[in-house]
């Protein structure tokens, strides 16, 4: 996996590792997760989807939520999150 944002020096693997560590283990997170300020992205939800049966995305910008819905519904010309999903699956031992 390559760098997510070269200008900021933040790598996507590091971010995904942190979400994985947060949602791994035996803690009970409940059934519902509210993601505040989702943006048009889902990488922050990949690890949570294993432990939360319902994830609610929220954002002040309706275009961001529309993009998530397009991705969820298999729309055309949406961002391909498969590399991030594969990376998290490997962390979880399911990939």
N, C-alpha and C. Protein backbone atom coordinates (compact mmCIF):
# COMPACT_ATOMS: atom_id res chain seq x y z
N UNK A 1 0.85 -1.17 0.00
CA UNK A 1 0.00 0.00 0.00
C UNK A 1 0.90 1.23 0.00
N UNK A 2 0.54 2.23 -0.78
CA UNK A 2 1.36 3.43 -0.92
C UNK A 2 0.89 4.53 0.02
N UNK A 3 1.68 5.60 0.04
CA UNK A 3 1.34 6.73 0.91
C UNK A 3 -0.03 7.30 0.56
N UNK A 4 -0.77 7.68 1.57
CA UNK A 4 -2.09 8.28 1.38
C UNK A 4 -1.97 9.75 1.01
N UNK A 5 -1.14 10.49 1.70
CA UNK A 5 -0.98 11.92 1.44
C UNK A 5 0.48 12.29 1.62
N UNK A 6 1.20 12.37 0.54
CA UNK A 6 2.64 12.65 0.58
C UNK A 6 2.93 13.99 1.28
N UNK A 7 2.07 15.00 1.08
CA UNK A 7 2.31 16.31 1.67
C UNK A 7 2.27 16.26 3.19
N UNK A 8 1.38 15.48 3.73
CA UNK A 8 1.23 15.40 5.18
C UNK A 8 2.12 14.33 5.78
N UNK A 9 2.66 13.45 4.96
CA UNK A 9 3.51 12.39 5.46
C UNK A 9 2.74 11.32 6.22
N UNK A 10 1.44 11.24 5.99
CA UNK A 10 0.60 10.26 6.68
C UNK A 10 0.40 9.08 5.74
N UNK A 11 0.69 7.89 6.23
CA UNK A 11 0.49 6.74 5.36
C UNK A 11 -0.79 6.02 5.71
N UNK A 12 -1.50 5.58 4.68
CA UNK A 12 -2.75 4.88 4.87
C UNK A 12 -2.57 3.62 5.71
N UNK A 13 -1.51 2.83 5.52
CA UNK A 13 -1.36 1.65 6.38
C UNK A 13 -1.34 2.01 7.86
N UNK A 14 -0.67 3.08 8.23
CA UNK A 14 -0.62 3.48 9.64
C UNK A 14 -2.02 3.80 10.16
N UNK A 15 -2.77 4.55 9.37
CA UNK A 15 -4.14 4.92 9.76
C UNK A 15 -5.00 3.66 9.93
N UNK A 16 -4.92 2.76 8.96
CA UNK A 16 -5.71 1.53 9.03
C UNK A 16 -5.28 0.67 10.21
N UNK A 17 -3.98 0.66 10.51
CA UNK A 17 -3.49 -0.08 11.68
C UNK A 17 -4.12 0.47 12.96
N UNK A 18 -4.23 1.79 13.07
CA UNK A 18 -4.80 2.40 14.27
C UNK A 18 -6.27 2.05 14.44
N UNK A 19 -7.02 2.09 13.35
CA UNK A 19 -8.43 1.69 13.43
C UNK A 19 -8.55 0.21 13.78
N UNK A 20 -7.68 -0.60 13.21
CA UNK A 20 -7.70 -2.04 13.52
C UNK A 20 -7.44 -2.25 15.01
N UNK A 21 -6.43 -1.59 15.55
CA UNK A 21 -6.11 -1.73 16.98
C UNK A 21 -7.28 -1.26 17.85
N UNK A 22 -7.96 -0.21 17.42
CA UNK A 22 -9.09 0.31 18.19
C UNK A 22 -10.23 -0.71 18.27
N UNK A 23 -10.53 -1.37 17.16
CA UNK A 23 -11.69 -2.26 17.12
C UNK A 23 -11.36 -3.73 17.31
N UNK A 24 -10.09 -4.05 17.54
CA UNK A 24 -9.70 -5.45 17.79
C UNK A 24 -9.93 -5.78 19.26
N UNK A 25 -9.89 -7.05 19.57
CA UNK A 25 -10.00 -7.46 20.96
C UNK A 25 -11.41 -7.82 21.36
N UNK A 26 -11.59 -7.90 22.65
CA UNK A 26 -12.84 -8.40 23.20
C UNK A 26 -13.78 -7.31 23.70
N UNK A 27 -13.45 -6.06 23.48
CA UNK A 27 -14.32 -4.99 23.97
C UNK A 27 -15.66 -5.00 23.26
N UNK A 28 -16.69 -4.59 23.97
CA UNK A 28 -18.03 -4.51 23.39
C UNK A 28 -18.28 -3.07 22.95
N UNK A 29 -18.42 -2.88 21.65
CA UNK A 29 -18.66 -1.55 21.11
C UNK A 29 -20.15 -1.28 20.89
N UNK A 30 -20.98 -2.26 21.21
CA UNK A 30 -22.40 -2.11 20.93
C UNK A 30 -22.67 -2.43 19.48
N UNK A 31 -23.90 -2.25 19.07
CA UNK A 31 -24.28 -2.60 17.71
C UNK A 31 -24.20 -1.45 16.73
N UNK A 32 -24.24 -0.21 17.22
CA UNK A 32 -24.34 0.94 16.34
C UNK A 32 -23.14 1.86 16.52
N UNK A 33 -22.61 2.33 15.39
CA UNK A 33 -21.51 3.30 15.40
C UNK A 33 -21.96 4.54 14.64
N UNK A 34 -21.76 5.70 15.22
CA UNK A 34 -22.02 6.96 14.54
C UNK A 34 -20.69 7.56 14.15
N UNK A 35 -20.46 7.70 12.86
CA UNK A 35 -19.23 8.31 12.34
C UNK A 35 -19.53 9.76 12.01
N UNK A 36 -19.02 10.67 12.82
CA UNK A 36 -19.28 12.10 12.65
C UNK A 36 -18.21 12.69 11.74
N UNK A 37 -18.64 13.38 10.70
CA UNK A 37 -17.69 13.97 9.75
C UNK A 37 -17.08 12.92 8.85
N UNK A 38 -17.91 12.05 8.32
CA UNK A 38 -17.44 10.91 7.52
C UNK A 38 -16.65 11.33 6.29
N UNK A 39 -17.05 12.44 5.68
CA UNK A 39 -16.44 12.78 4.40
C UNK A 39 -16.90 11.77 3.36
N UNK A 40 -16.28 11.76 2.18
CA UNK A 40 -16.68 10.82 1.14
C UNK A 40 -15.89 9.52 1.20
N UNK A 41 -15.48 9.12 2.41
CA UNK A 41 -14.57 7.98 2.57
C UNK A 41 -15.17 6.90 3.46
N UNK A 42 -14.64 5.67 3.31
CA UNK A 42 -15.10 4.56 4.15
C UNK A 42 -13.95 3.84 4.84
N UNK A 43 -12.71 4.24 4.58
CA UNK A 43 -11.57 3.52 5.17
C UNK A 43 -11.66 3.48 6.69
N UNK A 44 -12.20 4.52 7.30
CA UNK A 44 -12.29 4.60 8.75
C UNK A 44 -13.34 3.64 9.31
N UNK A 45 -14.13 3.02 8.45
CA UNK A 45 -15.21 2.13 8.88
C UNK A 45 -14.91 0.66 8.67
N UNK A 46 -13.84 0.35 7.96
CA UNK A 46 -13.57 -1.05 7.59
C UNK A 46 -13.42 -1.93 8.82
N UNK A 47 -12.58 -1.56 9.76
CA UNK A 47 -12.39 -2.37 10.96
C UNK A 47 -13.63 -2.38 11.84
N UNK A 48 -14.32 -1.26 11.90
CA UNK A 48 -15.54 -1.18 12.72
C UNK A 48 -16.64 -2.08 12.19
N UNK A 49 -16.66 -2.30 10.88
CA UNK A 49 -17.74 -3.10 10.29
C UNK A 49 -17.75 -4.54 10.78
N UNK A 50 -16.64 -5.00 11.32
CA UNK A 50 -16.56 -6.36 11.85
C UNK A 50 -17.28 -6.47 13.19
N UNK A 51 -17.35 -5.40 13.95
CA UNK A 51 -17.90 -5.47 15.30
C UNK A 51 -19.19 -4.67 15.49
N UNK A 52 -19.55 -3.84 14.53
CA UNK A 52 -20.78 -3.04 14.63
C UNK A 52 -21.72 -3.44 13.50
N UNK A 53 -22.92 -3.84 13.86
CA UNK A 53 -23.87 -4.28 12.84
C UNK A 53 -24.51 -3.12 12.09
N UNK A 54 -24.47 -1.93 12.67
CA UNK A 54 -25.03 -0.76 12.02
C UNK A 54 -24.04 0.39 12.13
N UNK A 55 -23.71 1.00 10.99
CA UNK A 55 -22.82 2.16 10.97
C UNK A 55 -23.58 3.31 10.32
N UNK A 56 -23.67 4.42 11.04
CA UNK A 56 -24.36 5.60 10.55
C UNK A 56 -23.31 6.65 10.22
N UNK A 57 -23.28 7.07 8.96
CA UNK A 57 -22.34 8.10 8.53
C UNK A 57 -23.05 9.45 8.59
N UNK A 58 -22.30 10.48 8.99
CA UNK A 58 -22.87 11.82 9.03
C UNK A 58 -21.82 12.81 8.52
N UNK A 59 -22.31 13.82 7.86
CA UNK A 59 -21.42 14.87 7.36
C UNK A 59 -22.27 16.09 7.04
N UNK A 60 -21.71 17.26 7.24
CA UNK A 60 -22.44 18.49 6.93
C UNK A 60 -22.61 18.65 5.41
N UNK A 61 -21.72 18.04 4.65
CA UNK A 61 -21.75 18.14 3.19
C UNK A 61 -22.50 16.94 2.62
N UNK A 62 -23.67 17.18 2.07
CA UNK A 62 -24.50 16.08 1.56
C UNK A 62 -23.84 15.35 0.39
N UNK A 63 -22.97 16.04 -0.34
CA UNK A 63 -22.25 15.39 -1.44
C UNK A 63 -21.35 14.27 -0.95
N UNK A 64 -20.77 14.45 0.23
CA UNK A 64 -19.92 13.41 0.81
C UNK A 64 -20.73 12.16 1.11
N UNK A 65 -21.91 12.35 1.70
CA UNK A 65 -22.77 11.21 2.01
C UNK A 65 -23.30 10.55 0.74
N UNK A 66 -23.58 11.37 -0.28
CA UNK A 66 -24.04 10.82 -1.55
C UNK A 66 -22.96 9.93 -2.17
N UNK A 67 -21.70 10.32 -2.02
CA UNK A 67 -20.60 9.51 -2.56
C UNK A 67 -20.51 8.17 -1.84
N UNK A 68 -20.68 8.17 -0.52
CA UNK A 68 -20.67 6.91 0.24
C UNK A 68 -21.82 6.02 -0.22
N UNK A 69 -23.00 6.60 -0.40
CA UNK A 69 -24.16 5.82 -0.87
C UNK A 69 -23.90 5.23 -2.25
N UNK A 70 -23.30 6.03 -3.14
CA UNK A 70 -22.98 5.52 -4.48
C UNK A 70 -22.03 4.34 -4.39
N UNK A 71 -21.02 4.44 -3.51
CA UNK A 71 -20.06 3.33 -3.33
C UNK A 71 -20.78 2.11 -2.77
N UNK A 72 -21.60 2.30 -1.75
CA UNK A 72 -22.32 1.20 -1.10
C UNK A 72 -23.23 0.49 -2.09
N UNK A 73 -23.84 1.25 -2.99
CA UNK A 73 -24.78 0.68 -3.96
C UNK A 73 -24.11 0.23 -5.25
N UNK A 74 -22.78 0.23 -5.28
CA UNK A 74 -22.06 -0.25 -6.46
C UNK A 74 -22.16 0.67 -7.66
N UNK A 75 -22.22 1.97 -7.41
CA UNK A 75 -22.34 2.94 -8.48
C UNK A 75 -21.11 2.97 -9.39
N UNK A 76 -21.28 3.59 -10.53
CA UNK A 76 -20.19 3.70 -11.50
C UNK A 76 -19.23 4.82 -11.09
N UNK A 77 -17.97 4.63 -11.45
CA UNK A 77 -16.93 5.64 -11.24
C UNK A 77 -16.78 6.07 -9.78
N UNK A 78 -16.90 5.11 -8.87
CA UNK A 78 -16.68 5.40 -7.46
C UNK A 78 -15.25 5.01 -7.10
N UNK A 79 -14.76 5.55 -5.99
CA UNK A 79 -13.41 5.23 -5.56
C UNK A 79 -13.32 3.75 -5.22
N UNK A 80 -12.22 3.13 -5.57
CA UNK A 80 -12.00 1.71 -5.31
C UNK A 80 -11.30 1.54 -3.97
N UNK A 81 -12.04 1.10 -2.97
CA UNK A 81 -11.50 0.90 -1.62
C UNK A 81 -10.96 -0.50 -1.42
N UNK A 82 -10.89 -1.31 -2.47
CA UNK A 82 -10.51 -2.72 -2.31
C UNK A 82 -9.11 -2.90 -1.74
N UNK A 83 -8.18 -2.02 -2.04
CA UNK A 83 -6.83 -2.14 -1.48
C UNK A 83 -6.86 -1.96 0.03
N UNK A 84 -7.62 -0.99 0.51
CA UNK A 84 -7.74 -0.78 1.96
C UNK A 84 -8.47 -1.94 2.62
N UNK A 85 -9.52 -2.44 1.98
CA UNK A 85 -10.27 -3.57 2.54
C UNK A 85 -9.37 -4.80 2.61
N UNK A 86 -8.60 -5.03 1.57
CA UNK A 86 -7.69 -6.18 1.56
C UNK A 86 -6.65 -6.05 2.67
N UNK A 87 -6.10 -4.87 2.84
CA UNK A 87 -5.09 -4.64 3.88
C UNK A 87 -5.67 -4.95 5.26
N UNK A 88 -6.86 -4.44 5.55
CA UNK A 88 -7.49 -4.69 6.85
C UNK A 88 -7.83 -6.17 7.00
N UNK A 89 -8.28 -6.81 5.94
CA UNK A 89 -8.57 -8.25 5.99
C UNK A 89 -7.33 -9.05 6.36
N UNK A 90 -6.20 -8.64 5.84
CA UNK A 90 -4.94 -9.32 6.18
C UNK A 90 -4.58 -9.07 7.64
N UNK A 91 -4.81 -7.87 8.15
CA UNK A 91 -4.57 -7.58 9.57
C UNK A 91 -5.44 -8.47 10.46
N UNK A 92 -6.67 -8.68 10.03
CA UNK A 92 -7.62 -9.46 10.82
C UNK A 92 -7.49 -10.96 10.61
N UNK A 93 -6.62 -11.34 9.67
CA UNK A 93 -6.44 -12.76 9.39
C UNK A 93 -7.57 -13.37 8.59
N UNK A 94 -8.33 -12.53 7.88
CA UNK A 94 -9.43 -13.05 7.07
C UNK A 94 -9.19 -12.88 5.58
N UNK A 95 -8.04 -12.30 5.23
CA UNK A 95 -7.79 -12.00 3.81
C UNK A 95 -6.81 -12.88 3.15
